[in-house]
Amino acid sequence: MFDTETTALLRAVLDEVCESVSHREIGARTHVASKILEAATRGEVSVDGLRQVGRDALSRAPTMWR
């Protein structure tokens, strides 16, 4: 469990990384969120490190067929 400050940081990084992703793209957003959480659980709590993890995850995120 993360403290309030860390939780706010994780949310802010997720929102920033996914700003161009539709809220309907649940699979992509969930994938990015899970990778950011994994990194934080391993001890990565720097903004730049979490952003990079999020960006990497977004580039590999599943997308819906249109």
PDB file of N, CA and C in Angstrom:
ATOM      1  N   MET A   1       0.842  -1.165   0.000  1.00  0.00           N
ATOM      2  CA  MET A   1       0.000   0.000   0.000  1.00  0.00           C
ATOM      3  C   MET A   1       0.897   1.241   0.000  1.00  0.00           C
ATOM      4  N   PHE A   2       0.545   2.202  -0.817  1.00  0.00           N
ATOM      5  CA  PHE A   2       1.328   3.425  -0.928  1.00  0.00           C
ATOM      6  C   PHE A   2       0.703   4.534  -0.095  1.00  0.00           C
ATOM      7  N   ASP A   3       1.544   5.469   0.340  1.00  0.00           N
ATOM      8  CA  ASP A   3       1.018   6.607   1.081  1.00  0.00           C
ATOM      9  C   ASP A   3       0.298   7.557   0.124  1.00  0.00           C
ATOM     10  N   THR A   4      -0.378   8.533   0.683  1.00  0.00           N
ATOM     11  CA  THR A   4      -1.197   9.452  -0.106  1.00  0.00           C
ATOM     12  C   THR A   4      -0.372  10.209  -1.136  1.00  0.00           C
ATOM     13  N   GLU A   5       0.804  10.646  -0.756  1.00  0.00           N
ATOM     14  CA  GLU A   5       1.666  11.412  -1.664  1.00  0.00           C
ATOM     15  C   GLU A   5       2.109  10.557  -2.858  1.00  0.00           C
ATOM     16  N   THR A   6       2.525   9.330  -2.588  1.00  0.00           N
ATOM     17  CA  THR A   6       2.962   8.438  -3.664  1.00  0.00           C
ATOM     18  C   THR A   6       1.792   8.075  -4.576  1.00  0.00           C
ATOM     19  N   THR A   7       0.634   7.831  -3.992  1.00  0.00           N
ATOM     20  CA  THR A   7      -0.555   7.523  -4.786  1.00  0.00           C
ATOM     21  C   THR A   7      -0.896   8.674  -5.719  1.00  0.00           C
ATOM     22  N   ALA A   8      -0.807   9.901  -5.220  1.00  0.00           N
ATOM     23  CA  ALA A   8      -1.072  11.080  -6.046  1.00  0.00           C
ATOM     24  C   ALA A   8      -0.049  11.185  -7.172  1.00  0.00           C
ATOM     25  N   LEU A   9       1.217  10.882  -6.873  1.00  0.00           N
ATOM     26  CA  LEU A   9       2.267  10.906  -7.888  1.00  0.00           C
ATOM     27  C   LEU A   9       1.982   9.874  -8.976  1.00  0.00           C
ATOM     28  N   LEU A  10       1.622   8.661  -8.576  1.00  0.00           N
ATOM     29  CA  LEU A  10       1.338   7.601  -9.548  1.00  0.00           C
ATOM     30  C   LEU A  10       0.168   7.993 -10.446  1.00  0.00           C
ATOM     31  N   ARG A  11      -0.867   8.553  -9.866  1.00  0.00           N
ATOM     32  CA  ARG A  11      -2.034   9.004 -10.632  1.00  0.00           C
ATOM     33  C   ARG A  11      -1.640  10.114 -11.617  1.00  0.00           C
ATOM     34  N   ALA A  12      -0.839  11.060 -11.148  1.00  0.00           N
ATOM     35  CA  ALA A  12      -0.417  12.172 -12.007  1.00  0.00           C
ATOM     36  C   ALA A  12       0.413  11.674 -13.188  1.00  0.00           C
ATOM     37  N   VAL A  13       1.310  10.733 -12.932  1.00  0.00           N
ATOM     38  CA  VAL A  13       2.136  10.176 -14.010  1.00  0.00           C
ATOM     39  C   VAL A  13       1.254   9.410 -14.998  1.00  0.00           C
ATOM     40  N   LEU A  14       0.339   8.607 -14.494  1.00  0.00           N
ATOM     41  CA  LEU A  14      -0.572   7.880 -15.380  1.00  0.00           C
ATOM     42  C   LEU A  14      -1.367   8.849 -16.252  1.00  0.00           C
ATOM     43  N   ASP A  15      -1.940   9.877 -15.640  1.00  0.00           N
ATOM     44  CA  ASP A  15      -2.727  10.852 -16.395  1.00  0.00           C
ATOM     45  C   ASP A  15      -1.880  11.567 -17.444  1.00  0.00           C
ATOM     46  N   GLU A  16      -0.647  11.901 -17.086  1.00  0.00           N
ATOM     47  CA  GLU A  16       0.240  12.584 -18.029  1.00  0.00           C
ATOM     48  C   GLU A  16       0.605  11.675 -19.206  1.00  0.00           C
ATOM     49  N   VAL A  17       1.010  10.460 -18.893  1.00  0.00           N
ATOM     50  CA  VAL A  17       1.435   9.529 -19.944  1.00  0.00           C
ATOM     51  C   VAL A  17       0.266   9.190 -20.874  1.00  0.00           C
ATOM     52  N   CYS A  18      -0.923   9.087 -20.307  1.00  0.00           N
ATOM     53  CA  CYS A  18      -2.102   8.667 -21.078  1.00  0.00           C
ATOM     54  C   CYS A  18      -2.974   9.840 -21.532  1.00  0.00           C
ATOM     55  N   GLU A  19      -2.450  11.058 -21.517  1.00  0.00           N
ATOM     56  CA  GLU A  19      -3.274  12.212 -21.862  1.00  0.00           C
ATOM     57  C   GLU A  19      -3.844  12.130 -23.275  1.00  0.00           C
ATOM     58  N   SER A  20      -3.167  11.471 -24.180  1.00  0.00           N
ATOM     59  CA  SER A  20      -3.663  11.369 -25.550  1.00  0.00           C
ATOM     60  C   SER A  20      -4.438  10.073 -25.804  1.00  0.00           C
ATOM     61  N   VAL A  21      -4.629   9.272 -24.751  1.00  0.00           N
ATOM     62  CA  VAL A  21      -5.336   7.998 -24.870  1.00  0.00           C
ATOM     63  C   VAL A  21      -6.779   8.201 -24.423  1.00  0.00           C
ATOM     64  N   SER A  22      -7.704   7.775 -25.240  1.00  0.00           N
ATOM     65  CA  SER A  22      -9.117   7.878 -24.905  1.00  0.00           C
ATOM     66  C   SER A  22      -9.414   7.092 -23.629  1.00  0.00           C
ATOM     67  N   HIS A  23     -10.326   7.606 -22.820  1.00  0.00           N
ATOM     68  CA  HIS A  23     -10.734   6.884 -21.609  1.00  0.00           C
ATOM     69  C   HIS A  23     -11.447   5.580 -21.963  1.00  0.00           C
ATOM     70  N   ARG A  24     -11.866   5.440 -23.209  1.00  0.00           N
ATOM     71  CA  ARG A  24     -12.491   4.190 -23.656  1.00  0.00           C
ATOM     72  C   ARG A  24     -11.460   3.104 -23.947  1.00  0.00           C
ATOM     73  N   GLU A  25     -10.203   3.480 -24.065  1.00  0.00           N
ATOM     74  CA  GLU A  25      -9.112   2.521 -24.309  1.00  0.00           C
ATOM     75  C   GLU A  25      -8.688   1.918 -22.969  1.00  0.00           C
ATOM     76  N   ILE A  26      -9.585   1.198 -22.355  1.00  0.00           N
ATOM     77  CA  ILE A  26      -9.361   0.678 -21.011  1.00  0.00           C
ATOM     78  C   ILE A  26      -8.159  -0.272 -20.971  1.00  0.00           C
ATOM     79  N   GLY A  27      -8.016  -1.096 -21.997  1.00  0.00           N
ATOM     80  CA  GLY A  27      -6.895  -2.041 -22.028  1.00  0.00           C
ATOM     81  C   GLY A  27      -5.550  -1.343 -22.002  1.00  0.00           C
ATOM     82  N   ALA A  28      -5.399  -0.300 -22.792  1.00  0.00           N
ATOM     83  CA  ALA A  28      -4.135   0.439 -22.851  1.00  0.00           C
ATOM     84  C   ALA A  28      -3.864   1.142 -21.531  1.00  0.00           C
ATOM     85  N   ARG A  29      -4.864   1.818 -20.993  1.00  0.00           N
ATOM     86  CA  ARG A  29      -4.696   2.546 -19.735  1.00  0.00           C
ATOM     87  C   ARG A  29      -4.385   1.579 -18.579  1.00  0.00           C
ATOM     88  N   THR A  30      -5.047   0.434 -18.572  1.00  0.00           N
ATOM     89  CA  THR A  30      -4.807  -0.557 -17.525  1.00  0.00           C
ATOM     90  C   THR A  30      -3.395  -1.113 -17.625  1.00  0.00           C
ATOM     91  N   HIS A  31      -2.946  -1.369 -18.837  1.00  0.00           N
ATOM     92  CA  HIS A  31      -1.594  -1.875 -19.055  1.00  0.00           C
ATOM     93  C   HIS A  31      -0.558  -0.880 -18.523  1.00  0.00           C
ATOM     94  N   VAL A  32      -0.722   0.383 -18.874  1.00  0.00           N
ATOM     95  CA  VAL A  32       0.217   1.414 -18.413  1.00  0.00           C
ATOM     96  C   VAL A  32       0.174   1.516 -16.886  1.00  0.00           C
ATOM     97  N   ALA A  33      -1.024   1.546 -16.324  1.00  0.00           N
ATOM     98  CA  ALA A  33      -1.160   1.653 -14.867  1.00  0.00           C
ATOM     99  C   ALA A  33      -0.480   0.487 -14.162  1.00  0.00           C
ATOM    100  N   SER A  34      -0.648  -0.712 -14.689  1.00  0.00           N
ATOM    101  CA  SER A  34      -0.055  -1.875 -14.027  1.00  0.00           C
ATOM    102  C   SER A  34       1.469  -1.822 -14.072  1.00  0.00           C
ATOM    103  N   LYS A  35       2.029  -1.361 -15.171  1.00  0.00           N
ATOM    104  CA  LYS A  35       3.487  -1.264 -15.281  1.00  0.00           C
ATOM    105  C   LYS A  35       4.038  -0.183 -14.357  1.00  0.00           C
ATOM    106  N   ILE A  36       3.321   0.940 -14.234  1.00  0.00           N
ATOM    107  CA  ILE A  36       3.740   1.990 -13.311  1.00  0.00           C
ATOM    108  C   ILE A  36       3.682   1.472 -11.871  1.00  0.00           C
ATOM    109  N   LEU A  37       2.614   0.758 -11.536  1.00  0.00           N
ATOM    110  CA  LEU A  37       2.498   0.188 -10.192  1.00  0.00           C
ATOM    111  C   LEU A  37       3.597  -0.832  -9.908  1.00  0.00           C
ATOM    112  N   GLU A  38       3.903  -1.665 -10.878  1.00  0.00           N
ATOM    113  CA  GLU A  38       4.980  -2.648 -10.707  1.00  0.00           C
ATOM    114  C   GLU A  38       6.303  -1.949 -10.417  1.00  0.00           C
ATOM    115  N   ALA A  39       6.581  -0.889 -11.176  1.00  0.00           N
ATOM    116  CA  ALA A  39       7.832  -0.155 -10.987  1.00  0.00           C
ATOM    117  C   ALA A  39       7.875   0.483  -9.600  1.00  0.00           C
ATOM    118  N   ALA A  40       6.772   1.059  -9.171  1.00  0.00           N
ATOM    119  CA  ALA A  40       6.718   1.688  -7.849  1.00  0.00           C
ATOM    120  C   ALA A  40       6.890   0.648  -6.749  1.00  0.00           C
ATOM    121  N   THR A  41       6.317  -0.517  -6.943  1.00  0.00           N
ATOM    122  CA  THR A  41       6.446  -1.596  -5.958  1.00  0.00           C
ATOM    123  C   THR A  41       7.904  -2.043  -5.831  1.00  0.00           C
ATOM    124  N   ARG A  42       8.625  -1.980  -6.948  1.00  0.00           N
ATOM    125  CA  ARG A  42      10.050  -2.347  -6.935  1.00  0.00           C
ATOM    126  C   ARG A  42      10.923  -1.218  -6.385  1.00  0.00           C
ATOM    127  N   GLY A  43      10.320  -0.058  -6.079  1.00  0.00           N
ATOM    128  CA  GLY A  43      11.081   1.036  -5.477  1.00  0.00           C
ATOM    129  C   GLY A  43      11.299   2.240  -6.356  1.00  0.00           C
ATOM    130  N   GLU A  44      10.847   2.190  -7.595  1.00  0.00           N
ATOM    131  CA  GLU A  44      10.996   3.345  -8.490  1.00  0.00           C
ATOM    132  C   GLU A  44       9.930   4.375  -8.135  1.00  0.00           C
ATOM    133  N   VAL A  45      10.367   5.490  -7.574  1.00  0.00           N
ATOM    134  CA  VAL A  45       9.411   6.538  -7.217  1.00  0.00           C
ATOM    135  C   VAL A  45       9.816   7.906  -7.753  1.00  0.00           C
ATOM    136  N   SER A  46      10.816   7.947  -8.625  1.00  0.00           N
ATOM    137  CA  SER A  46      11.168   9.233  -9.230  1.00  0.00           C
ATOM    138  C   SER A  46      10.194   9.516 -10.365  1.00  0.00           C
ATOM    139  N   VAL A  47       9.844  10.764 -10.525  1.00  0.00           N
ATOM    140  CA  VAL A  47       8.898  11.155 -11.568  1.00  0.00           C
ATOM    141  C   VAL A  47       9.429  10.751 -12.936  1.00  0.00           C
ATOM    142  N   ASP A  48      10.687  11.053 -13.207  1.00  0.00           N
ATOM    143  CA  ASP A  48      11.252  10.724 -14.523  1.00  0.00           C
ATOM    144  C   ASP A  48      11.279   9.223 -14.771  1.00  0.00           C
ATOM    145  N   GLY A  49      11.626   8.451 -13.767  1.00  0.00           N
ATOM    146  CA  GLY A  49      11.655   7.003 -13.924  1.00  0.00           C
ATOM    147  C   GLY A  49      10.278   6.434 -14.185  1.00  0.00           C
ATOM    148  N   LEU A  50       9.288   6.914 -13.447  1.00  0.00           N
ATOM    149  CA  LEU A  50       7.915   6.439 -13.641  1.00  0.00           C
ATOM    150  C   LEU A  50       7.364   6.868 -14.990  1.00  0.00           C
ATOM    151  N   ARG A  51       7.691   8.076 -15.419  1.00  0.00           N
ATOM    152  CA  ARG A  51       7.258   8.524 -16.756  1.00  0.00           C
ATOM    153  C   ARG A  51       7.822   7.610 -17.833  1.00  0.00           C
ATOM    154  N   GLN A  52       9.105   7.269 -17.700  1.00  0.00           N
ATOM    155  CA  GLN A  52       9.730   6.413 -18.713  1.00  0.00           C
ATOM    156  C   GLN A  52       9.086   5.033 -18.725  1.00  0.00           C
ATOM    157  N   VAL A  53       8.816   4.493 -17.561  1.00  0.00           N
ATOM    158  CA  VAL A  53       8.135   3.196 -17.478  1.00  0.00           C
ATOM    159  C   VAL A  53       6.771   3.300 -18.150  1.00  0.00           C
ATOM    160  N   GLY A  54       6.047   4.368 -17.859  1.00  0.00           N
ATOM    161  CA  GLY A  54       4.728   4.571 -18.454  1.00  0.00           C
ATOM    162  C   GLY A  54       4.783   4.711 -19.964  1.00  0.00           C
ATOM    163  N   ARG A  55       5.737   5.484 -20.449  1.00  0.00           N
ATOM    164  CA  ARG A  55       5.876   5.660 -21.908  1.00  0.00           C
ATOM    165  C   ARG A  55       6.225   4.348 -22.592  1.00  0.00           C
ATOM    166  N   ASP A  56       7.138   3.599 -21.987  1.00  0.00           N
ATOM    167  CA  ASP A  56       7.503   2.292 -22.550  1.00  0.00           C
ATOM    168  C   ASP A  56       6.284   1.371 -22.584  1.00  0.00           C
ATOM    169  N   ALA A  57       5.523   1.370 -21.508  1.00  0.00           N
ATOM    170  CA  ALA A  57       4.328   0.529 -21.448  1.00  0.00           C
ATOM    171  C   ALA A  57       3.302   0.958 -22.484  1.00  0.00           C
ATOM    172  N   LEU A  58       3.138   2.258 -22.670  1.00  0.00           N
ATOM    173  CA  LEU A  58       2.171   2.752 -23.637  1.00  0.00           C
ATOM    174  C   LEU A  58       2.554   2.340 -25.055  1.00  0.00           C
ATOM    175  N   SER A  59       3.841   2.325 -25.342  1.00  0.00           N
ATOM    176  CA  SER A  59       4.273   1.932 -26.687  1.00  0.00           C
ATOM    177  C   SER A  59       4.019   0.452 -26.953  1.00  0.00           C
ATOM    178  N   ARG A  60       3.835  -0.333 -25.890  1.00  0.00           N
ATOM    179  CA  ARG A  60       3.575  -1.773 -26.026  1.00  0.00           C
ATOM    180  C   ARG A  60       2.150  -2.153 -25.633  1.00  0.00           C
ATOM    181  N   ALA A  61       1.326  -1.160 -25.386  1.00  0.00           N
ATOM    182  CA  ALA A  61      -0.028  -1.417 -24.886  1.00  0.00           C
ATOM    183  C   ALA A  61      -0.919  -2.021 -25.966  1.00  0.00           C
ATOM    184  N   PRO A  62      -1.838  -2.880 -25.547  1.00  0.00           N
ATOM    185  CA  PRO A  62      -2.793  -3.441 -26.514  1.00  0.00           C
ATOM    186  C   PRO A  62      -3.731  -2.339 -27.014  1.00  0.00           C
ATOM    187  N   THR A  63      -4.116  -2.431 -28.253  1.00  0.00           N
ATOM    188  CA  THR A  63      -5.036  -1.449 -28.822  1.00  0.00           C
ATOM    189  C   THR A  63      -6.262  -2.165 -29.359  1.00  0.00           C
ATOM    190  N   MET A  64      -7.341  -1.451 -29.423  1.00  0.00           N
ATOM    191  CA  MET A  64      -8.574  -2.024 -29.953  1.00  0.00           C
ATOM    192  C   MET A  64      -8.551  -1.950 -31.476  1.00  0.00           C
ATOM    193  N   TRP A  65      -9.138  -2.945 -32.119  1.00  0.00           N
ATOM    194  CA  TRP A  65      -9.294  -2.917 -33.568  1.00  0.00           C
ATOM    195  C   TRP A  65     -10.393  -1.939 -33.905  1.00  0.00           C
ATOM    196  N   ARG A  66     -10.198  -1.162 -34.914  1.00  0.00           N
ATOM    197  CA  ARG A  66     -11.194  -0.169 -35.311  1.00  0.00           C
ATOM    198  C   ARG A  66     -11.724  -0.480 -36.675  1.00  0.00           C
TER     199      ARG A  66
END
